[in-house]
Amino acid sequence: MPTAAVLLLSAACQAKPTDLTTASAQEQTAAANAACAVLDQVVQAASERDFDALCTHASSLGICRFQLQGNEATVPATAPTVDCVKFVAPRDGRVGGVVLVVSGVDGAGSAYRSEFFVIDTGNGV
């Protein structure tokens, strides 16, 4: 069974991270919508088989490319379903963010369920 890669979006730690777990419903909705917009960009790149563009959204370009090597056929051809949105609070010097729990069928026909973690880099999501 192929391993599904979880793409982590990151950059430098914010000086004052936002705790979305205590944010207003409006702020949480805006953050969830922004995370979904990033997911849409990744899905678009995957559907076009533009793995360089896809990997620009990963926390490590090298790790993303390494995980894709030999696994290109398992990249889903269709967009996943967002099953759940979770908010992760910053703690112990780590940033918080939005986790989209997604599911779908990969390019090899296997069902998957994974998490897509998005953080605010200070330059947008």
N, C-alpha and C. Protein backbone atom coordinates (compact mmCIF):
# COMPACT_ATOMS: atom_id res chain seq x y z
N MET A 1 0.85 -1.19 0.00
CA MET A 1 0.00 0.00 0.00
C MET A 1 0.89 1.24 0.00
N PRO A 2 0.65 2.17 -0.90
CA PRO A 2 1.52 3.34 -0.98
C PRO A 2 1.36 4.24 0.23
N THR A 3 2.43 4.91 0.56
CA THR A 3 2.42 5.85 1.67
C THR A 3 1.96 7.20 1.16
N ALA A 4 0.99 7.78 1.83
CA ALA A 4 0.51 9.11 1.47
C ALA A 4 1.41 10.14 2.12
N ALA A 5 1.85 11.08 1.37
CA ALA A 5 2.70 12.14 1.91
C ALA A 5 1.83 13.23 2.49
N VAL A 6 2.23 13.72 3.64
CA VAL A 6 1.55 14.84 4.24
C VAL A 6 2.40 16.07 3.94
N LEU A 7 1.80 17.04 3.31
CA LEU A 7 2.51 18.26 2.96
C LEU A 7 2.39 19.25 4.10
N LEU A 8 3.52 19.69 4.59
CA LEU A 8 3.53 20.67 5.66
C LEU A 8 4.00 21.99 5.09
N LEU A 9 3.22 23.00 5.30
CA LEU A 9 3.57 24.32 4.80
C LEU A 9 4.20 25.09 5.95
N SER A 10 5.38 25.61 5.72
CA SER A 10 6.03 26.31 6.81
C SER A 10 6.94 27.41 6.31
N ALA A 11 7.36 28.22 7.22
CA ALA A 11 8.36 29.24 7.00
C ALA A 11 8.86 29.64 8.38
N ALA A 12 9.50 30.78 8.46
CA ALA A 12 10.02 31.22 9.75
C ALA A 12 8.90 31.38 10.77
N CYS A 13 9.22 31.07 12.01
CA CYS A 13 8.25 31.16 13.10
C CYS A 13 7.83 32.61 13.31
N GLN A 14 6.56 32.83 13.48
CA GLN A 14 6.08 34.18 13.74
C GLN A 14 6.52 34.61 15.14
N ALA A 15 6.76 35.87 15.30
CA ALA A 15 7.12 36.38 16.62
C ALA A 15 5.95 36.24 17.58
N LYS A 16 4.74 36.42 17.08
CA LYS A 16 3.55 36.37 17.92
C LYS A 16 2.52 35.50 17.22
N PRO A 17 2.61 34.16 17.38
CA PRO A 17 1.69 33.28 16.67
C PRO A 17 0.25 33.47 17.11
N THR A 18 -0.66 33.28 16.18
CA THR A 18 -2.08 33.38 16.46
C THR A 18 -2.58 32.05 16.98
N ASP A 19 -3.33 32.08 18.06
CA ASP A 19 -3.93 30.86 18.59
C ASP A 19 -5.34 30.77 18.05
N LEU A 20 -5.51 29.99 16.99
CA LEU A 20 -6.81 29.87 16.35
C LEU A 20 -7.80 29.08 17.19
N THR A 21 -7.29 28.34 18.20
CA THR A 21 -8.21 27.58 19.05
C THR A 21 -9.05 28.51 19.91
N THR A 22 -8.58 29.75 20.12
CA THR A 22 -9.34 30.71 20.92
C THR A 22 -9.83 31.88 20.07
N ALA A 23 -9.66 31.79 18.77
CA ALA A 23 -10.08 32.86 17.87
C ALA A 23 -11.60 32.88 17.72
N SER A 24 -12.10 33.97 17.23
CA SER A 24 -13.54 34.08 16.99
C SER A 24 -13.95 33.15 15.85
N ALA A 25 -15.22 32.87 15.77
CA ALA A 25 -15.73 32.01 14.70
C ALA A 25 -15.40 32.61 13.33
N GLN A 26 -15.48 33.94 13.24
CA GLN A 26 -15.17 34.62 11.98
C GLN A 26 -13.69 34.42 11.61
N GLU A 27 -12.79 34.55 12.59
CA GLU A 27 -11.36 34.35 12.33
C GLU A 27 -11.07 32.90 11.97
N GLN A 28 -11.74 31.97 12.64
CA GLN A 28 -11.55 30.56 12.33
C GLN A 28 -12.04 30.24 10.92
N THR A 29 -13.18 30.80 10.55
CA THR A 29 -13.71 30.58 9.20
C THR A 29 -12.76 31.13 8.15
N ALA A 30 -12.22 32.33 8.40
CA ALA A 30 -11.28 32.92 7.46
C ALA A 30 -10.01 32.07 7.34
N ALA A 31 -9.52 31.56 8.46
CA ALA A 31 -8.32 30.72 8.44
C ALA A 31 -8.59 29.40 7.72
N ALA A 32 -9.75 28.80 7.97
CA ALA A 32 -10.11 27.55 7.29
C ALA A 32 -10.24 27.77 5.79
N ASN A 33 -10.85 28.88 5.39
CA ASN A 33 -10.99 29.20 3.96
C ASN A 33 -9.62 29.41 3.31
N ALA A 34 -8.72 30.08 4.03
CA ALA A 34 -7.37 30.29 3.50
C ALA A 34 -6.63 28.96 3.35
N ALA A 35 -6.80 28.07 4.33
CA ALA A 35 -6.17 26.74 4.24
C ALA A 35 -6.72 25.96 3.06
N CYS A 36 -8.03 26.06 2.84
CA CYS A 36 -8.65 25.37 1.70
C CYS A 36 -8.14 25.94 0.38
N ALA A 37 -7.87 27.24 0.34
CA ALA A 37 -7.33 27.85 -0.87
C ALA A 37 -5.93 27.31 -1.17
N VAL A 38 -5.13 27.09 -0.13
CA VAL A 38 -3.80 26.49 -0.33
C VAL A 38 -3.95 25.06 -0.82
N LEU A 39 -4.87 24.32 -0.22
CA LEU A 39 -5.12 22.95 -0.68
C LEU A 39 -5.53 22.95 -2.15
N ASP A 40 -6.37 23.89 -2.54
CA ASP A 40 -6.77 24.00 -3.95
C ASP A 40 -5.57 24.19 -4.87
N GLN A 41 -4.60 25.00 -4.44
CA GLN A 41 -3.39 25.23 -5.24
C GLN A 41 -2.59 23.93 -5.38
N VAL A 42 -2.49 23.18 -4.30
CA VAL A 42 -1.75 21.92 -4.33
C VAL A 42 -2.47 20.91 -5.21
N VAL A 43 -3.79 20.84 -5.09
CA VAL A 43 -4.58 19.93 -5.92
C VAL A 43 -4.42 20.29 -7.39
N GLN A 44 -4.46 21.59 -7.70
CA GLN A 44 -4.29 22.04 -9.08
C GLN A 44 -2.94 21.58 -9.63
N ALA A 45 -1.87 21.80 -8.86
CA ALA A 45 -0.54 21.38 -9.29
C ALA A 45 -0.47 19.87 -9.48
N ALA A 46 -1.09 19.12 -8.56
CA ALA A 46 -1.08 17.66 -8.68
C ALA A 46 -1.85 17.20 -9.91
N SER A 47 -2.99 17.84 -10.18
CA SER A 47 -3.81 17.43 -11.33
C SER A 47 -3.09 17.71 -12.64
N GLU A 48 -2.23 18.73 -12.64
CA GLU A 48 -1.44 19.06 -13.82
C GLU A 48 -0.12 18.29 -13.87
N ARG A 49 0.10 17.47 -12.84
CA ARG A 49 1.35 16.71 -12.70
C ARG A 49 2.56 17.64 -12.67
N ASP A 50 2.36 18.83 -12.11
CA ASP A 50 3.42 19.81 -11.95
C ASP A 50 3.99 19.65 -10.55
N PHE A 51 4.85 18.65 -10.40
CA PHE A 51 5.35 18.30 -9.07
C PHE A 51 6.30 19.34 -8.51
N ASP A 52 6.96 20.13 -9.37
CA ASP A 52 7.78 21.22 -8.86
C ASP A 52 6.90 22.26 -8.17
N ALA A 53 5.78 22.61 -8.81
CA ALA A 53 4.85 23.57 -8.21
C ALA A 53 4.23 22.99 -6.94
N LEU A 54 3.88 21.72 -6.97
CA LEU A 54 3.30 21.06 -5.81
C LEU A 54 4.27 21.15 -4.63
N CYS A 55 5.54 20.84 -4.87
CA CYS A 55 6.52 20.79 -3.79
C CYS A 55 6.89 22.17 -3.25
N THR A 56 6.57 23.24 -3.98
CA THR A 56 6.86 24.57 -3.44
C THR A 56 5.99 24.86 -2.22
N HIS A 57 4.94 24.10 -2.02
CA HIS A 57 4.07 24.27 -0.87
C HIS A 57 4.50 23.44 0.34
N ALA A 58 5.49 22.61 0.17
CA ALA A 58 5.95 21.73 1.25
C ALA A 58 6.95 22.45 2.15
N SER A 59 7.09 21.97 3.37
CA SER A 59 8.07 22.56 4.28
C SER A 59 9.48 22.28 3.83
N SER A 60 9.68 21.19 3.09
CA SER A 60 11.00 20.85 2.56
C SER A 60 10.85 20.42 1.11
N LEU A 61 11.40 21.21 0.23
CA LEU A 61 11.35 20.90 -1.20
C LEU A 61 12.01 19.55 -1.47
N GLY A 62 13.16 19.33 -0.85
CA GLY A 62 13.90 18.09 -1.06
C GLY A 62 13.16 16.86 -0.59
N ILE A 63 12.55 16.94 0.59
CA ILE A 63 11.79 15.79 1.11
C ILE A 63 10.58 15.52 0.24
N CYS A 64 9.91 16.56 -0.19
CA CYS A 64 8.75 16.40 -1.06
C CYS A 64 9.14 15.67 -2.34
N ARG A 65 10.20 16.14 -2.96
CA ARG A 65 10.65 15.51 -4.21
C ARG A 65 11.07 14.07 -3.97
N PHE A 66 11.75 13.80 -2.84
CA PHE A 66 12.17 12.45 -2.52
C PHE A 66 10.96 11.52 -2.34
N GLN A 67 9.93 12.01 -1.63
CA GLN A 67 8.74 11.19 -1.39
C GLN A 67 7.97 10.91 -2.67
N LEU A 68 8.05 11.81 -3.63
CA LEU A 68 7.35 11.61 -4.89
C LEU A 68 8.08 10.65 -5.84
N GLN A 69 9.40 10.54 -5.69
CA GLN A 69 10.19 9.69 -6.59
C GLN A 69 9.64 8.26 -6.59
N GLY A 70 9.24 7.82 -7.75
CA GLY A 70 8.71 6.46 -7.89
C GLY A 70 7.27 6.32 -7.44
N ASN A 71 6.71 7.37 -6.88
CA ASN A 71 5.32 7.33 -6.39
C ASN A 71 4.41 8.27 -7.16
N GLU A 72 4.88 8.79 -8.26
CA GLU A 72 4.10 9.76 -9.03
C GLU A 72 2.73 9.22 -9.41
N ALA A 73 2.65 7.93 -9.71
CA ALA A 73 1.37 7.33 -10.13
C ALA A 73 0.35 7.29 -9.02
N THR A 74 0.80 7.40 -7.76
CA THR A 74 -0.15 7.35 -6.65
C THR A 74 -0.73 8.71 -6.30
N VAL A 75 -0.20 9.77 -6.92
CA VAL A 75 -0.73 11.11 -6.65
C VAL A 75 -2.18 11.15 -7.14
N PRO A 76 -3.10 11.54 -6.27
CA PRO A 76 -4.52 11.54 -6.66
C PRO A 76 -4.79 12.41 -7.89
N ALA A 77 -5.65 11.92 -8.74
CA ALA A 77 -6.04 12.67 -9.93
C ALA A 77 -7.24 13.57 -9.66
N THR A 78 -7.91 13.35 -8.54
CA THR A 78 -9.08 14.15 -8.18
C THR A 78 -8.87 14.80 -6.82
N ALA A 79 -9.59 15.87 -6.60
CA ALA A 79 -9.48 16.59 -5.33
C ALA A 79 -10.01 15.74 -4.18
N PRO A 80 -9.39 15.87 -3.02
CA PRO A 80 -9.89 15.14 -1.86
C PRO A 80 -11.13 15.83 -1.29
N THR A 81 -11.79 15.13 -0.42
CA THR A 81 -12.89 15.69 0.37
C THR A 81 -12.31 16.18 1.69
N VAL A 82 -12.67 17.39 2.08
CA VAL A 82 -12.26 17.88 3.39
C VAL A 82 -13.31 17.38 4.39
N ASP A 83 -12.88 16.44 5.24
CA ASP A 83 -13.79 15.80 6.19
C ASP A 83 -13.93 16.59 7.48
N CYS A 84 -12.90 17.31 7.82
CA CYS A 84 -12.87 17.96 9.13
C CYS A 84 -11.82 19.06 9.11
N VAL A 85 -12.04 20.10 9.87
CA VAL A 85 -11.06 21.17 10.04
C VAL A 85 -10.74 21.25 11.53
N LYS A 86 -9.44 21.21 11.84
CA LYS A 86 -9.00 21.31 13.23
C LYS A 86 -8.05 22.50 13.35
N PHE A 87 -8.05 23.11 14.51
CA PHE A 87 -7.17 24.23 14.78
C PHE A 87 -6.15 23.78 15.82
N VAL A 88 -4.87 24.01 15.53
CA VAL A 88 -3.79 23.61 16.41
C VAL A 88 -3.21 24.86 17.06
N ALA A 89 -3.18 24.85 18.37
CA ALA A 89 -2.66 25.99 19.11
C ALA A 89 -1.13 25.99 19.09
N PRO A 90 -0.52 27.17 19.05
CA PRO A 90 0.94 27.22 19.16
C PRO A 90 1.35 26.84 20.59
N ARG A 91 2.46 26.12 20.70
CA ARG A 91 2.95 25.79 22.04
C ARG A 91 4.41 25.37 21.95
N ASP A 92 5.11 25.57 23.04
CA ASP A 92 6.52 25.16 23.14
C ASP A 92 7.35 25.67 21.97
N GLY A 93 7.12 26.90 21.55
CA GLY A 93 7.89 27.48 20.47
C GLY A 93 7.47 27.04 19.08
N ARG A 94 6.43 26.26 18.98
CA ARG A 94 5.94 25.79 17.67
C ARG A 94 4.73 26.63 17.26
N VAL A 95 4.61 26.84 15.95
CA VAL A 95 3.48 27.62 15.47
C VAL A 95 2.22 26.76 15.45
N GLY A 96 1.10 27.42 15.55
CA GLY A 96 -0.17 26.75 15.39
C GLY A 96 -0.64 26.89 13.96
N GLY A 97 -1.76 26.31 13.67
CA GLY A 97 -2.26 26.43 12.31
C GLY A 97 -3.57 25.70 12.13
N VAL A 98 -3.87 25.41 10.90
CA VAL A 98 -5.12 24.75 10.52
C VAL A 98 -4.77 23.38 9.94
N VAL A 99 -5.46 22.36 10.41
CA VAL A 99 -5.31 21.01 9.88
C VAL A 99 -6.59 20.67 9.13
N LEU A 100 -6.44 20.36 7.86
CA LEU A 100 -7.56 19.87 7.07
C LEU A 100 -7.43 18.34 7.04
N VAL A 101 -8.42 17.65 7.54
CA VAL A 101 -8.44 16.19 7.46
C VAL A 101 -9.12 15.87 6.14
N VAL A 102 -8.38 15.21 5.24
CA VAL A 102 -8.86 14.96 3.89
C VAL A 102 -8.91 13.47 3.59
N SER A 103 -9.78 13.12 2.68
CA SER A 103 -9.85 11.72 2.24
C SER A 103 -10.17 11.69 0.76
N GLY A 104 -9.84 10.57 0.15
CA GLY A 104 -10.10 10.41 -1.27
C GLY A 104 -9.55 9.10 -1.76
N VAL A 105 -9.30 9.04 -3.04
CA VAL A 105 -8.74 7.86 -3.69
C VAL A 105 -7.48 8.29 -4.41
N ASP A 106 -6.37 7.58 -4.15
CA ASP A 106 -5.13 7.97 -4.79
C ASP A 106 -5.08 7.49 -6.24
N GLY A 107 -4.03 7.85 -6.93
CA GLY A 107 -3.90 7.52 -8.34
C GLY A 107 -3.82 6.03 -8.63
N ALA A 108 -3.52 5.22 -7.60
CA ALA A 108 -3.46 3.77 -7.77
C ALA A 108 -4.78 3.11 -7.40
N GLY A 109 -5.78 3.92 -7.02
CA GLY A 109 -7.10 3.39 -6.69
C GLY A 109 -7.30 3.03 -5.23
N SER A 110 -6.33 3.36 -4.37
CA SER A 110 -6.46 3.05 -2.94
C SER A 110 -7.05 4.24 -2.20
N ALA A 111 -7.96 3.94 -1.27
CA ALA A 111 -8.54 4.99 -0.44
C ALA A 111 -7.48 5.51 0.53
N TYR A 112 -7.54 6.80 0.83
CA TYR A 112 -6.63 7.37 1.82
C TYR A 112 -7.37 8.36 2.70
N ARG A 113 -6.80 8.60 3.86
CA ARG A 113 -7.24 9.64 4.78
C ARG A 113 -5.96 10.23 5.34
N SER A 114 -5.83 11.54 5.27
CA SER A 114 -4.59 12.17 5.67
C SER A 114 -4.89 13.55 6.27
N GLU A 115 -3.85 14.18 6.77
CA GLU A 115 -3.96 15.52 7.30
C GLU A 115 -3.09 16.47 6.50
N PHE A 116 -3.60 17.65 6.26
CA PHE A 116 -2.92 18.70 5.51
C PHE A 116 -2.79 19.89 6.46
N PHE A 117 -1.58 20.16 6.92
CA PHE A 117 -1.34 21.18 7.94
C PHE A 117 -0.88 22.47 7.28
N VAL A 118 -1.56 23.56 7.58
CA VAL A 118 -1.27 24.86 6.98
C VAL A 118 -1.01 25.86 8.11
N ILE A 119 0.08 26.62 7.95
CA ILE A 119 0.38 27.67 8.93
C ILE A 119 0.42 29.01 8.22
N ASP A 120 0.29 30.07 9.01
CA ASP A 120 0.42 31.43 8.50
C ASP A 120 1.90 31.79 8.59
N THR A 121 2.52 32.05 7.46
CA THR A 121 3.95 32.36 7.42
C THR A 121 4.24 33.82 7.69
N GLY A 122 3.20 34.61 7.87
CA GLY A 122 3.40 36.04 8.04
C GLY A 122 3.30 36.78 6.71
N ASN A 123 3.35 36.04 5.62
CA ASN A 123 3.20 36.58 4.27
C ASN A 123 1.93 36.03 3.65
N GLY A 124 0.93 35.83 4.45
CA GLY A 124 -0.25 35.10 4.01
C GLY A 124 -0.06 33.66 4.42
N VAL A 125 -0.96 32.82 3.99
CA VAL A 125 -0.87 31.41 4.41
C VAL A 125 0.18 30.71 3.60
